[in-house]
Amino acid sequence: MIYITRRESFNAAHKLAREDWSLDKNTEVYGKCANPNWHGHNYQLYVTVKGEVNPETGFLVDLKWLKQLINVNVIDKVDHKNLNIDVDFMQGKLASTENLAIAIWDILKPLIAESDAELHSIKLYETENNFVEYLG
C-alpha cells in the first residue's frame, strides 16, 4: 500500500453563526468568527489517496488527473467565494473547517473510487496553526 498527496490552495470567506441564535450567543460560542461582516482564510487542501502502484505506469494515480479532479469538483467551486452563500455543497451547513472537510470528502470519495485508488484523507488547513484531518 502506498499513499500520495496532492496539495491545492483556495481563498474563501465565511462566518460561523447559527441563524437560530442571537448575535450575542454566536459571538459567545464562535468569537470573532461570528463577525456579521464575514472573514476569510487562505486554505490549503491536502488530498491523500492510497492503493497499489500500477506496475505498467509506476504510478498509483496520475497526479495531473488528481489535480484536475480536485480543481473541477472542489477548488473552482470554493475559490474566492463565500462558503455560506456561494457554495452549493455547503448550503444548510455551518461553514466550519470540519464541515467543509467532510463535504469535500463526500464529493471526492466516489470520484476517486472510479480509479484504482481509494481516498485516504482530507487535510484542510484554515490557518498555519489550525487544520482538520478527516479519514471518513
Protein backbone atom coordinates (compact mmCIF):
# COMPACT_ATOMS: atom_id res chain seq x y z
CA MET A 1 0.00 0.00 0.00
CA ILE A 2 1.31 3.44 -0.95
CA TYR A 3 -0.04 6.90 -0.21
CA ILE A 4 0.28 10.00 -2.36
CA THR A 5 -0.93 13.51 -1.59
CA ARG A 6 -1.88 16.44 -3.79
CA ARG A 7 -1.98 19.98 -2.32
CA GLU A 8 -4.24 22.71 -3.67
CA SER A 9 -4.97 26.21 -2.36
CA PHE A 10 -8.00 28.44 -2.30
CA ASN A 11 -9.22 31.63 -0.68
CA ALA A 12 -12.70 31.88 0.76
CA ALA A 13 -14.80 33.91 3.17
CA HIS A 14 -17.22 32.59 5.76
CA LYS A 15 -18.66 33.19 9.16
CA LEU A 16 -19.58 30.82 11.92
CA ALA A 17 -23.07 31.57 13.11
CA ARG A 18 -26.30 29.74 13.68
CA GLU A 19 -29.32 31.58 12.33
CA ASP A 20 -31.41 30.38 15.26
CA TRP A 21 -29.02 32.04 17.76
CA SER A 22 -28.69 35.71 18.65
CA LEU A 23 -25.58 37.68 17.72
CA ASP A 24 -24.58 37.61 21.39
CA LYS A 25 -24.87 33.82 21.57
CA ASN A 26 -22.99 33.35 18.29
CA THR A 27 -20.24 35.70 19.50
CA GLU A 28 -20.06 33.86 22.81
CA VAL A 29 -19.59 30.49 21.07
CA TYR A 30 -17.67 31.44 17.89
CA GLY A 31 -15.89 34.66 18.92
CA LYS A 32 -14.51 36.76 16.07
CA CYS A 33 -15.51 34.04 13.62
CA ALA A 34 -19.14 35.12 14.09
CA ASN A 35 -18.42 38.57 12.64
CA PRO A 36 -21.58 39.57 10.72
CA ASN A 37 -19.33 41.09 8.04
CA TRP A 38 -17.54 37.77 7.38
CA HIS A 39 -13.84 36.95 7.41
CA GLY A 40 -11.58 34.97 5.13
CA HIS A 41 -8.82 32.39 5.01
CA ASN A 42 -6.13 31.21 2.63
CA TYR A 43 -6.91 27.50 2.80
CA GLN A 44 -4.52 24.67 1.97
CA LEU A 45 -6.20 21.42 0.94
CA TYR A 46 -4.30 18.12 1.02
CA VAL A 47 -5.96 15.13 -0.66
CA THR A 48 -4.29 11.79 0.07
CA VAL A 49 -5.11 8.68 -1.90
CA LYS A 50 -3.88 5.14 -1.31
CA GLY A 51 -3.55 1.91 -3.19
CA GLU A 52 -1.06 -0.17 -5.13
CA VAL A 53 1.39 1.13 -7.71
CA ASN A 54 0.47 0.21 -11.25
CA PRO A 55 3.47 -1.84 -12.47
CA GLU A 56 2.98 -0.60 -16.04
CA THR A 57 2.96 3.16 -15.26
CA GLY A 58 4.82 3.26 -11.96
CA PHE A 59 2.02 5.47 -10.59
CA LEU A 60 -0.69 4.99 -8.03
CA VAL A 61 -2.60 7.71 -9.90
CA ASP A 62 -1.64 10.30 -12.47
CA LEU A 63 -1.24 13.49 -10.42
CA LYS A 64 -2.42 15.61 -13.37
CA TRP A 65 -5.68 13.65 -13.26
CA LEU A 66 -5.96 14.09 -9.47
CA LYS A 67 -5.24 17.83 -9.76
CA GLN A 68 -7.96 18.25 -12.39
CA LEU A 69 -10.43 16.19 -10.37
CA ILE A 70 -9.86 18.33 -7.26
CA ASN A 71 -9.93 21.61 -9.16
CA VAL A 72 -13.06 20.96 -11.19
CA ASN A 73 -15.08 19.45 -8.34
CA VAL A 74 -13.89 21.50 -5.36
CA ILE A 75 -11.47 24.39 -5.93
CA ASP A 76 -13.39 26.01 -8.78
CA LYS A 77 -16.50 25.99 -6.57
CA VAL A 78 -14.92 27.49 -3.43
CA ASP A 79 -12.06 29.75 -4.55
CA HIS A 80 -12.80 33.44 -3.94
CA LYS A 81 -16.30 32.55 -2.79
CA ASN A 82 -18.35 32.98 0.35
CA LEU A 83 -18.74 29.48 1.76
CA ASN A 84 -22.02 30.37 3.48
CA ILE A 85 -23.68 31.86 0.41
CA ASP A 86 -21.99 30.84 -2.85
CA VAL A 87 -21.06 27.17 -2.41
CA ASP A 88 -23.82 24.71 -3.28
CA PHE A 89 -22.40 21.81 -1.28
CA MET A 90 -22.21 23.94 1.90
CA GLN A 91 -25.83 25.11 1.79
CA GLY A 92 -27.62 24.39 5.06
CA LYS A 93 -24.36 23.57 6.86
CA LEU A 94 -22.37 25.58 9.35
CA ALA A 95 -19.29 26.66 7.38
CA SER A 96 -16.71 25.29 9.82
CA THR A 97 -13.48 23.79 8.58
CA GLU A 98 -14.66 20.45 9.94
CA ASN A 99 -17.87 20.53 7.89
CA LEU A 100 -16.00 21.76 4.82
CA ALA A 101 -13.53 18.87 5.04
CA ILE A 102 -16.38 16.35 5.34
CA ALA A 103 -18.18 17.90 2.35
CA ILE A 104 -15.01 17.73 0.25
CA TRP A 105 -14.59 14.07 1.25
CA ASP A 106 -18.17 13.33 0.19
CA ILE A 107 -17.52 14.87 -3.23
CA LEU A 108 -14.15 13.29 -3.94
CA LYS A 109 -14.54 9.79 -2.49
CA PRO A 110 -16.81 8.35 -5.22
CA LEU A 111 -14.85 10.09 -7.99
CA ILE A 112 -11.51 8.71 -6.80
CA ALA A 113 -13.08 5.26 -6.34
CA GLU A 114 -13.59 5.16 -10.13
CA SER A 115 -9.79 4.85 -10.42
CA ASP A 116 -7.53 2.17 -8.97
CA ALA A 117 -7.03 4.31 -5.85
CA GLU A 118 -9.02 4.98 -2.70
CA LEU A 119 -9.41 8.27 -0.85
CA HIS A 120 -7.44 8.05 2.40
CA SER A 121 -7.75 11.52 3.92
CA ILE A 122 -8.65 15.13 3.52
CA LYS A 123 -6.45 17.57 5.40
CA LEU A 124 -7.62 21.17 5.33
CA TYR A 125 -5.53 23.99 6.78
CA GLU A 126 -7.57 27.05 7.70
CA THR A 127 -4.51 28.86 9.09
CA GLU A 128 -0.91 27.83 9.57
CA ASN A 129 -1.85 26.83 13.13
CA ASN A 130 -5.27 25.21 12.62
CA PHE A 131 -6.18 22.30 10.41
CA VAL A 132 -8.63 19.42 10.22
CA GLU A 133 -7.86 15.92 9.05
CA TYR A 134 -10.77 13.71 8.02
CA LEU A 135 -10.41 9.99 7.34
CA GLY A 136 -14.01 9.27 6.53
